[in-house]
Amino acid sequence: MSKISLRVNGATHALDVDTATPLLYILRNDIGLQGPRFGCGLGQCGACTVIINGAAIRSCITPVSTVKGEITTLEGLAKGGTLHPLQQAWIDEQVPQCGFCQNGQIMTAKVLLDKNPNPTDAQIREGMARTLCRCMTYYRIQAAIKRAAKTKTAASQASEQEVVA
């Protein structure tokens, strides 16, 4: 066991853990977060996805000893009681069926939109290709990502107009 410090969703957590433990287990069992989920345990499905320093990382295959920087989980997207545009779009487009993959879908989509704020349909499909949905709600996922992109674009244009005024 080793003492480590993790920065998760803006809070620092001091933990005494086996450093070979996958980050997913630390997030769920030691910190108590429920967003990232165990899916395949092989980093192939995406249910365990978190964002570390702007990159979508599969936490089920990431030893906690390798984590450096800020970790963002699904719980960290909402700010001050306001849902992130992706979370709201997921609701508006009624994306989930079983809901199991939603953590991975939303976290992967966030990284996609951070890198490309206005992706085409083809870019969305390519960016989301490694995140699996057993219920096959891919068209609704794509629609939600497009809706969130429009929301974020409209919000940034409004803030630019405020600066100019």
N, C-alpha and C. Protein backbone atom coordinates (compact mmCIF):
# COMPACT_ATOMS: atom_id res chain seq x y z
N MET A 1 0.84 -1.18 0.00
CA MET A 1 0.00 0.00 0.00
C MET A 1 0.89 1.24 0.00
N SER A 2 0.43 2.23 -0.74
CA SER A 2 1.17 3.49 -0.84
C SER A 2 0.21 4.65 -0.70
N LYS A 3 0.72 5.72 -0.17
CA LYS A 3 -0.08 6.94 -0.07
C LYS A 3 0.04 7.69 -1.39
N ILE A 4 -1.13 8.02 -1.95
CA ILE A 4 -1.16 8.79 -3.18
C ILE A 4 -2.17 9.92 -3.02
N SER A 5 -2.07 10.87 -3.92
CA SER A 5 -3.01 11.98 -3.95
C SER A 5 -3.57 12.07 -5.36
N LEU A 6 -4.88 12.09 -5.46
CA LEU A 6 -5.54 12.23 -6.77
C LEU A 6 -6.40 13.48 -6.76
N ARG A 7 -6.37 14.19 -7.86
CA ARG A 7 -7.25 15.35 -8.03
C ARG A 7 -8.39 14.91 -8.95
N VAL A 8 -9.60 14.83 -8.37
CA VAL A 8 -10.77 14.34 -9.09
C VAL A 8 -11.89 15.36 -8.99
N ASN A 9 -12.36 15.81 -10.14
CA ASN A 9 -13.47 16.77 -10.20
C ASN A 9 -13.23 18.00 -9.32
N GLY A 10 -11.99 18.44 -9.29
CA GLY A 10 -11.65 19.65 -8.55
C GLY A 10 -11.32 19.45 -7.08
N ALA A 11 -11.44 18.24 -6.58
CA ALA A 11 -11.14 17.96 -5.17
C ALA A 11 -9.94 17.02 -5.08
N THR A 12 -9.13 17.23 -4.06
CA THR A 12 -7.96 16.38 -3.85
C THR A 12 -8.31 15.28 -2.85
N HIS A 13 -7.91 14.06 -3.19
CA HIS A 13 -8.18 12.90 -2.35
C HIS A 13 -6.85 12.25 -1.97
N ALA A 14 -6.60 12.15 -0.68
CA ALA A 14 -5.42 11.45 -0.19
C ALA A 14 -5.84 10.02 0.12
N LEU A 15 -5.15 9.06 -0.49
CA LEU A 15 -5.56 7.66 -0.37
C LEU A 15 -4.36 6.78 -0.06
N ASP A 16 -4.62 5.67 0.59
CA ASP A 16 -3.61 4.65 0.84
C ASP A 16 -4.06 3.40 0.08
N VAL A 17 -3.44 3.17 -1.10
CA VAL A 17 -3.90 2.11 -2.01
C VAL A 17 -2.73 1.36 -2.60
N ASP A 18 -3.03 0.21 -3.16
CA ASP A 18 -2.05 -0.53 -3.96
C ASP A 18 -1.95 0.21 -5.29
N THR A 19 -0.78 0.68 -5.64
CA THR A 19 -0.62 1.51 -6.84
C THR A 19 -0.85 0.76 -8.15
N ALA A 20 -0.93 -0.55 -8.11
CA ALA A 20 -1.23 -1.33 -9.32
C ALA A 20 -2.74 -1.43 -9.56
N THR A 21 -3.54 -0.96 -8.60
CA THR A 21 -4.99 -1.03 -8.72
C THR A 21 -5.46 -0.17 -9.89
N PRO A 22 -6.37 -0.68 -10.71
CA PRO A 22 -6.92 0.14 -11.78
C PRO A 22 -7.65 1.36 -11.22
N LEU A 23 -7.49 2.48 -11.90
CA LEU A 23 -8.11 3.73 -11.48
C LEU A 23 -9.61 3.57 -11.26
N LEU A 24 -10.27 2.79 -12.09
CA LEU A 24 -11.72 2.58 -11.96
C LEU A 24 -12.10 2.15 -10.56
N TYR A 25 -11.37 1.20 -9.99
CA TYR A 25 -11.70 0.69 -8.66
C TYR A 25 -11.48 1.76 -7.59
N ILE A 26 -10.47 2.58 -7.76
CA ILE A 26 -10.21 3.66 -6.80
C ILE A 26 -11.36 4.67 -6.87
N LEU A 27 -11.75 5.05 -8.07
CA LEU A 27 -12.83 6.03 -8.23
C LEU A 27 -14.14 5.53 -7.64
N ARG A 28 -14.47 4.28 -7.90
CA ARG A 28 -15.75 3.74 -7.43
C ARG A 28 -15.71 3.32 -5.96
N ASN A 29 -14.70 2.54 -5.60
CA ASN A 29 -14.69 1.93 -4.26
C ASN A 29 -14.12 2.84 -3.18
N ASP A 30 -13.10 3.61 -3.51
CA ASP A 30 -12.45 4.43 -2.49
C ASP A 30 -13.00 5.86 -2.44
N ILE A 31 -13.33 6.41 -3.59
CA ILE A 31 -13.84 7.79 -3.63
C ILE A 31 -15.37 7.82 -3.67
N GLY A 32 -16.00 6.74 -4.13
CA GLY A 32 -17.46 6.64 -4.10
C GLY A 32 -18.17 7.22 -5.31
N LEU A 33 -17.47 7.37 -6.41
CA LEU A 33 -18.11 7.88 -7.63
C LEU A 33 -18.76 6.74 -8.40
N GLN A 34 -19.90 7.01 -8.99
CA GLN A 34 -20.64 5.96 -9.69
C GLN A 34 -20.71 6.15 -11.19
N GLY A 35 -20.16 7.25 -11.72
CA GLY A 35 -20.20 7.49 -13.17
C GLY A 35 -19.45 6.43 -13.95
N PRO A 36 -18.14 6.32 -13.75
CA PRO A 36 -17.39 5.30 -14.50
C PRO A 36 -17.86 3.91 -14.09
N ARG A 37 -18.05 3.05 -15.07
CA ARG A 37 -18.57 1.70 -14.80
C ARG A 37 -17.62 0.63 -15.31
N PHE A 38 -17.70 -0.53 -14.68
CA PHE A 38 -16.97 -1.69 -15.17
C PHE A 38 -17.81 -2.30 -16.28
N GLY A 39 -17.21 -2.40 -17.47
CA GLY A 39 -17.90 -3.02 -18.59
C GLY A 39 -17.20 -4.30 -18.99
N CYS A 40 -16.11 -4.15 -19.70
CA CYS A 40 -15.40 -5.33 -20.21
C CYS A 40 -14.13 -5.64 -19.42
N GLY A 41 -13.57 -4.65 -18.75
CA GLY A 41 -12.32 -4.85 -18.02
C GLY A 41 -11.10 -4.92 -18.92
N LEU A 42 -11.29 -4.67 -20.21
CA LEU A 42 -10.20 -4.75 -21.18
C LEU A 42 -9.95 -3.44 -21.91
N GLY A 43 -10.68 -2.40 -21.54
CA GLY A 43 -10.52 -1.11 -22.21
C GLY A 43 -11.12 -1.05 -23.59
N GLN A 44 -12.04 -1.96 -23.90
CA GLN A 44 -12.59 -2.03 -25.25
C GLN A 44 -13.98 -1.41 -25.39
N CYS A 45 -14.76 -1.39 -24.32
CA CYS A 45 -16.15 -0.93 -24.47
C CYS A 45 -16.33 0.56 -24.18
N GLY A 46 -15.54 1.10 -23.26
CA GLY A 46 -15.61 2.53 -22.96
C GLY A 46 -16.47 2.91 -21.77
N ALA A 47 -17.15 1.97 -21.13
CA ALA A 47 -18.03 2.30 -20.01
C ALA A 47 -17.28 2.96 -18.85
N CYS A 48 -15.99 2.71 -18.75
CA CYS A 48 -15.17 3.21 -17.64
C CYS A 48 -14.47 4.52 -17.95
N THR A 49 -14.77 5.15 -19.07
CA THR A 49 -14.02 6.32 -19.54
C THR A 49 -14.09 7.49 -18.57
N VAL A 50 -12.92 8.07 -18.32
CA VAL A 50 -12.78 9.32 -17.58
C VAL A 50 -11.91 10.24 -18.43
N ILE A 51 -11.86 11.49 -18.06
CA ILE A 51 -11.00 12.44 -18.78
C ILE A 51 -9.83 12.80 -17.85
N ILE A 52 -8.62 12.62 -18.37
CA ILE A 52 -7.42 13.01 -17.64
C ILE A 52 -6.64 13.96 -18.53
N ASN A 53 -6.48 15.19 -18.03
CA ASN A 53 -5.75 16.21 -18.79
C ASN A 53 -6.26 16.34 -20.22
N GLY A 54 -7.58 16.29 -20.40
CA GLY A 54 -8.18 16.50 -21.70
C GLY A 54 -8.27 15.29 -22.61
N ALA A 55 -7.82 14.14 -22.14
CA ALA A 55 -7.86 12.92 -22.97
C ALA A 55 -8.83 11.91 -22.36
N ALA A 56 -9.57 11.21 -23.24
CA ALA A 56 -10.47 10.14 -22.80
C ALA A 56 -9.61 8.91 -22.48
N ILE A 57 -9.68 8.47 -21.23
CA ILE A 57 -8.85 7.37 -20.74
C ILE A 57 -9.75 6.26 -20.22
N ARG A 58 -9.41 5.02 -20.54
CA ARG A 58 -10.15 3.86 -20.04
C ARG A 58 -9.61 3.52 -18.65
N SER A 59 -10.38 3.83 -17.64
CA SER A 59 -9.91 3.70 -16.26
C SER A 59 -9.80 2.26 -15.79
N CYS A 60 -10.43 1.31 -16.48
CA CYS A 60 -10.36 -0.09 -16.05
C CYS A 60 -9.00 -0.72 -16.31
N ILE A 61 -8.23 -0.12 -17.23
CA ILE A 61 -6.90 -0.67 -17.55
C ILE A 61 -5.78 0.31 -17.21
N THR A 62 -6.10 1.37 -16.49
CA THR A 62 -5.11 2.39 -16.14
C THR A 62 -4.72 2.23 -14.68
N PRO A 63 -3.50 1.75 -14.41
CA PRO A 63 -3.07 1.64 -13.01
C PRO A 63 -3.04 3.03 -12.37
N VAL A 64 -3.50 3.13 -11.16
CA VAL A 64 -3.56 4.43 -10.49
C VAL A 64 -2.18 5.07 -10.39
N SER A 65 -1.12 4.26 -10.38
CA SER A 65 0.24 4.80 -10.29
C SER A 65 0.64 5.62 -11.51
N THR A 66 -0.04 5.44 -12.63
CA THR A 66 0.32 6.15 -13.86
C THR A 66 -0.44 7.46 -14.04
N VAL A 67 -1.39 7.74 -13.16
CA VAL A 67 -2.25 8.91 -13.32
C VAL A 67 -1.54 10.16 -12.81
N LYS A 68 -1.44 11.13 -13.70
CA LYS A 68 -0.86 12.43 -13.36
C LYS A 68 -1.81 13.50 -13.86
N GLY A 69 -2.22 14.39 -13.01
CA GLY A 69 -3.08 15.50 -13.43
C GLY A 69 -4.51 15.36 -12.97
N GLU A 70 -5.33 16.23 -13.50
CA GLU A 70 -6.75 16.33 -13.13
C GLU A 70 -7.57 15.24 -13.79
N ILE A 71 -8.39 14.57 -12.98
CA ILE A 71 -9.31 13.54 -13.45
C ILE A 71 -10.71 14.14 -13.43
N THR A 72 -11.43 14.00 -14.53
CA THR A 72 -12.83 14.43 -14.56
C THR A 72 -13.68 13.20 -14.84
N THR A 73 -14.70 13.04 -13.99
CA THR A 73 -15.66 11.96 -14.19
C THR A 73 -17.00 12.58 -14.59
N LEU A 74 -17.96 11.74 -14.90
CA LEU A 74 -19.29 12.21 -15.28
C LEU A 74 -19.85 13.16 -14.22
N GLU A 75 -19.59 12.85 -12.96
CA GLU A 75 -20.10 13.68 -11.87
C GLU A 75 -19.50 15.09 -11.89
N GLY A 76 -18.33 15.24 -12.49
CA GLY A 76 -17.65 16.52 -12.52
C GLY A 76 -18.05 17.44 -13.66
N LEU A 77 -18.92 16.98 -14.55
CA LEU A 77 -19.31 17.82 -15.69
C LEU A 77 -20.29 18.91 -15.32
N ALA A 78 -21.26 18.60 -14.47
CA ALA A 78 -22.25 19.59 -14.05
C ALA A 78 -21.57 20.61 -13.13
N LYS A 79 -21.91 21.87 -13.31
CA LYS A 79 -21.33 22.94 -12.49
C LYS A 79 -22.43 23.74 -11.82
N GLY A 80 -22.33 23.87 -10.52
CA GLY A 80 -23.28 24.69 -9.78
C GLY A 80 -24.73 24.29 -9.97
N GLY A 81 -24.98 23.00 -10.10
CA GLY A 81 -26.34 22.52 -10.26
C GLY A 81 -26.85 22.59 -11.70
N THR A 82 -26.02 23.09 -12.62
CA THR A 82 -26.41 23.17 -14.02
C THR A 82 -25.75 22.04 -14.79
N LEU A 83 -26.55 21.30 -15.51
CA LEU A 83 -26.02 20.20 -16.30
C LEU A 83 -25.11 20.72 -17.40
N HIS A 84 -24.12 19.93 -17.74
CA HIS A 84 -23.26 20.20 -18.89
C HIS A 84 -24.14 20.10 -20.14
N PRO A 85 -23.86 20.87 -21.21
CA PRO A 85 -24.68 20.78 -22.43
C PRO A 85 -24.84 19.35 -22.96
N LEU A 86 -23.82 18.52 -22.81
CA LEU A 86 -23.97 17.13 -23.25
C LEU A 86 -24.97 16.37 -22.39
N GLN A 87 -24.92 16.57 -21.09
CA GLN A 87 -25.86 15.89 -20.20
C GLN A 87 -27.29 16.32 -20.53
N GLN A 88 -27.49 17.62 -20.76
CA GLN A 88 -28.83 18.11 -21.10
C GLN A 88 -29.28 17.58 -22.45
N ALA A 89 -28.36 17.53 -23.41
CA ALA A 89 -28.71 17.01 -24.74
C ALA A 89 -29.09 15.53 -24.66
N TRP A 90 -28.41 14.79 -23.78
CA TRP A 90 -28.73 13.37 -23.61
C TRP A 90 -30.17 13.21 -23.14
N ILE A 91 -30.59 14.08 -22.25
CA ILE A 91 -31.97 14.06 -21.75
C ILE A 91 -32.93 14.48 -22.87
N ASP A 92 -32.61 15.59 -23.52
CA ASP A 92 -33.50 16.12 -24.56
C ASP A 92 -33.70 15.15 -25.72
N GLU A 93 -32.65 14.42 -26.08
CA GLU A 93 -32.72 13.47 -27.19
C GLU A 93 -33.15 12.07 -26.73
N GLN A 94 -33.39 11.91 -25.43
CA GLN A 94 -33.80 10.63 -24.85
C GLN A 94 -32.87 9.50 -25.29
N VAL A 95 -31.57 9.72 -25.09
CA VAL A 95 -30.56 8.78 -25.56
C VAL A 95 -30.60 7.44 -24.83
N PRO A 96 -30.58 7.42 -23.51
CA PRO A 96 -30.38 6.12 -22.83
C PRO A 96 -31.55 5.16 -23.00
N GLN A 97 -31.20 3.91 -23.13
CA GLN A 97 -32.18 2.84 -22.96
C GLN A 97 -31.81 2.15 -21.65
N CYS A 98 -30.81 1.29 -21.67
CA CYS A 98 -30.40 0.66 -20.41
C CYS A 98 -29.53 1.61 -19.59
N GLY A 99 -28.81 2.51 -20.25
CA GLY A 99 -28.00 3.51 -19.56
C GLY A 99 -26.60 3.08 -19.19
N PHE A 100 -26.27 1.82 -19.41
CA PHE A 100 -24.99 1.31 -18.95
C PHE A 100 -23.80 2.02 -19.59
N CYS A 101 -23.87 2.32 -20.87
CA CYS A 101 -22.73 2.90 -21.58
C CYS A 101 -22.68 4.42 -21.49
N GLN A 102 -23.68 5.03 -20.91
CA GLN A 102 -23.81 6.48 -21.00
C GLN A 102 -22.61 7.25 -20.45
N ASN A 103 -22.00 6.76 -19.39
CA ASN A 103 -20.79 7.42 -18.88
C ASN A 103 -19.74 7.51 -19.98
N GLY A 104 -19.43 6.40 -20.60
CA GLY A 104 -18.40 6.38 -21.63
C GLY A 104 -18.79 7.21 -22.84
N GLN A 105 -20.05 7.16 -23.22
CA GLN A 105 -20.51 7.93 -24.38
C GLN A 105 -20.36 9.44 -24.12
N ILE A 106 -20.83 9.89 -22.97
CA ILE A 106 -20.79 11.32 -22.66
C ILE A 106 -19.35 11.80 -22.49
N MET A 107 -18.53 11.04 -21.78
CA MET A 107 -17.15 11.48 -21.55
C MET A 107 -16.35 11.49 -22.86
N THR A 108 -16.57 10.51 -23.72
CA THR A 108 -15.90 10.48 -25.02
C THR A 108 -16.39 11.64 -25.88
N ALA A 109 -17.69 11.91 -25.85
CA ALA A 109 -18.25 13.02 -26.62
C ALA A 109 -17.70 14.35 -26.13
N LYS A 110 -17.49 14.49 -24.84
CA LYS A 110 -16.93 15.75 -24.31
C LYS A 110 -15.54 16.00 -24.88
N VAL A 111 -14.70 14.99 -24.89
CA VAL A 111 -13.36 15.14 -25.46
C VAL A 111 -13.46 15.47 -26.95
N LEU A 112 -14.37 14.80 -27.65
CA LEU A 112 -14.57 15.08 -29.07
C LEU A 112 -14.93 16.55 -29.29
N LEU A 113 -15.92 17.06 -28.53
CA LEU A 113 -16.36 18.44 -28.70
C LEU A 113 -15.31 19.45 -28.23
N ASP A 114 -14.51 19.07 -27.25
CA ASP A 114 -13.44 19.97 -26.81
C ASP A 114 -12.40 20.14 -27.92
N LYS A 115 -12.17 19.07 -28.67
CA LYS A 115 -11.19 19.12 -29.77
C LYS A 115 -11.80 19.68 -31.05
N ASN A 116 -13.08 19.41 -31.27
CA ASN A 116 -13.76 19.82 -32.49
C ASN A 116 -15.16 20.29 -32.11
N PRO A 117 -15.33 21.60 -31.85
CA PRO A 117 -16.62 22.10 -31.34
C PRO A 117 -17.80 21.96 -32.29
N ASN A 118 -17.55 21.72 -33.57
CA ASN A 118 -18.64 21.60 -34.52
C ASN A 118 -18.37 20.45 -35.49
N PRO A 119 -18.41 19.21 -34.98
CA PRO A 119 -18.06 18.06 -35.83
C PRO A 119 -19.16 17.71 -36.82
N THR A 120 -18.73 17.13 -37.94
CA THR A 120 -19.68 16.60 -38.92
C THR A 120 -20.19 15.25 -38.41
N ASP A 121 -21.19 14.72 -39.07
CA ASP A 121 -21.70 13.40 -38.70
C ASP A 121 -20.59 12.35 -38.80
N ALA A 122 -19.81 12.42 -39.86
CA ALA A 122 -18.72 11.46 -40.03
C ALA A 122 -17.67 11.59 -38.93
N GLN A 123 -17.37 12.82 -38.53
CA GLN A 123 -16.40 13.03 -37.46
C GLN A 123 -16.94 12.52 -36.12
N ILE A 124 -18.23 12.67 -35.89
CA ILE A 124 -18.84 12.13 -34.67
C ILE A 124 -18.74 10.62 -34.67
N ARG A 125 -19.12 9.99 -35.78
CA ARG A 125 -19.04 8.53 -35.85
C ARG A 125 -17.62 8.03 -35.64
N GLU A 126 -16.66 8.71 -36.24
CA GLU A 126 -15.26 8.32 -36.08
C GLU A 126 -14.79 8.53 -34.64
N GLY A 127 -15.13 9.66 -34.05
CA GLY A 127 -14.71 9.97 -32.68
C GLY A 127 -15.33 9.07 -31.63
N MET A 128 -16.50 8.53 -31.93
CA MET A 128 -17.23 7.72 -30.96
C MET A 128 -17.13 6.22 -31.26
N ALA A 129 -16.40 5.85 -32.29
CA ALA A 129 -16.39 4.47 -32.79
C ALA A 129 -15.96 3.43 -31.75
N ARG A 130 -15.08 3.78 -30.83
CA ARG A 130 -14.57 2.79 -29.87
C ARG A 130 -15.39 2.74 -28.58
N THR A 131 -16.50 3.48 -28.52
CA THR A 131 -17.34 3.47 -27.33
C THR A 131 -18.64 2.76 -27.69
N LEU A 132 -18.84 1.60 -27.10
CA LEU A 132 -19.91 0.70 -27.52
C LEU A 132 -21.21 0.93 -26.75
N CYS A 133 -22.32 0.72 -27.45
CA CYS A 133 -23.65 0.79 -26.87
C CYS A 133 -24.38 -0.50 -27.22
N ARG A 134 -24.71 -1.27 -26.22
CA ARG A 134 -25.40 -2.55 -26.44
C ARG A 134 -26.81 -2.36 -26.97
N CYS A 135 -27.43 -1.23 -26.66
CA CYS A 135 -28.80 -0.97 -27.08
C CYS A 135 -28.89 -0.36 -28.47
N MET A 136 -27.73 -0.04 -29.04
CA MET A 136 -27.65 0.49 -30.40
C MET A 136 -28.36 1.84 -30.56
N THR A 137 -28.19 2.74 -29.61
CA THR A 137 -28.80 4.07 -29.70
C THR A 137 -27.86 5.08 -30.38
N TYR A 138 -27.06 4.61 -31.30
CA TYR A 138 -26.05 5.45 -31.93
C TYR A 138 -26.62 6.68 -32.63
N TYR A 139 -27.79 6.57 -33.25
CA TYR A 139 -28.36 7.74 -33.93
C TYR A 139 -28.78 8.80 -32.91
N ARG A 140 -29.32 8.36 -31.78
CA ARG A 140 -29.68 9.32 -30.74
C ARG A 140 -28.44 9.94 -30.10
N ILE A 141 -27.39 9.13 -29.94
CA ILE A 141 -26.12 9.64 -29.41
C ILE A 141 -25.59 10.72 -30.35
N GLN A 142 -25.60 10.45 -31.64
CA GLN A 142 -25.11 11.42 -32.61
C GLN A 142 -25.96 12.69 -32.57
N ALA A 143 -27.27 12.55 -32.47
CA ALA A 143 -28.16 13.71 -32.40
C ALA A 143 -27.88 14.54 -31.14
N ALA A 144 -27.63 13.86 -30.03
CA ALA A 144 -27.33 14.58 -28.78
C ALA A 144 -26.01 15.34 -28.88
N ILE A 145 -25.02 14.75 -29.50
CA ILE A 145 -23.73 15.42 -29.66
C ILE A 145 -23.91 16.66 -30.54
N LYS A 146 -24.67 16.54 -31.62
CA LYS A 146 -24.92 17.69 -32.48
C LYS A 146 -25.69 18.78 -31.73
N ARG A 147 -26.65 18.38 -30.91
CA ARG A 147 -27.43 19.35 -30.12
C ARG A 147 -26.52 20.07 -29.14
N ALA A 148 -25.66 19.33 -28.45
CA ALA A 148 -24.73 19.94 -27.49
C ALA A 148 -23.76 20.87 -28.19
N ALA A 149 -23.30 20.49 -29.38
CA ALA A 149 -22.39 21.35 -30.14
C ALA A 149 -23.06 22.68 -30.48
N LYS A 150 -24.32 22.62 -30.89
CA LYS A 150 -25.07 23.85 -31.20
C LYS A 150 -25.25 24.70 -29.95
N THR A 151 -25.56 24.05 -28.83
CA THR A 151 -25.74 24.76 -27.57
C THR A 151 -24.46 25.46 -27.14
N LYS A 152 -23.34 24.73 -27.23
CA LYS A 152 -22.05 25.31 -26.85
C LYS A 152 -21.66 26.44 -27.80
N THR A 153 -21.93 26.28 -29.10
CA THR A 153 -21.62 27.33 -30.07
C THR A 153 -22.44 28.57 -29.79
N ALA A 154 -23.74 28.38 -29.53
CA ALA A 154 -24.62 29.52 -29.23
C ALA A 154 -24.17 30.23 -27.95
N ALA A 155 -23.79 29.46 -26.94
CA ALA A 155 -23.34 30.05 -25.68
C ALA A 155 -22.05 30.84 -25.86
N SER A 156 -21.11 30.31 -26.65
CA SER A 156 -19.85 31.02 -26.85
C SER A 156 -20.07 32.27 -27.69
N GLN A 157 -20.99 32.23 -28.65
CA GLN A 157 -21.28 33.42 -29.44
C GLN A 157 -21.92 34.50 -28.57
N ALA A 158 -22.81 34.10 -27.65
CA ALA A 158 -23.45 35.04 -26.75
C ALA A 158 -22.41 35.70 -25.83
N SER A 159 -21.47 34.92 -25.32
CA SER A 159 -20.44 35.49 -24.43
C SER A 159 -19.50 36.41 -25.21
N GLU A 160 -19.23 36.10 -26.48
CA GLU A 160 -18.41 36.97 -27.32
C GLU A 160 -19.12 38.30 -27.55
N GLN A 161 -20.44 38.26 -27.76
CA GLN A 161 -21.21 39.48 -27.97
C GLN A 161 -21.22 40.34 -26.72
N GLU A 162 -21.25 39.70 -25.54
CA GLU A 162 -21.20 40.45 -24.28
C GLU A 162 -19.88 41.17 -24.13
N VAL A 163 -18.78 40.53 -24.54
CA VAL A 163 -17.45 41.12 -24.43
C VAL A 163 -17.36 42.32 -25.37
N VAL A 164 -17.91 42.21 -26.58
CA VAL A 164 -17.85 43.28 -27.55
C VAL A 164 -18.68 44.47 -27.10
N ALA A 165 -19.83 44.21 -26.48
CA ALA A 165 -20.75 45.28 -26.06
C ALA A 165 -20.24 46.04 -24.90
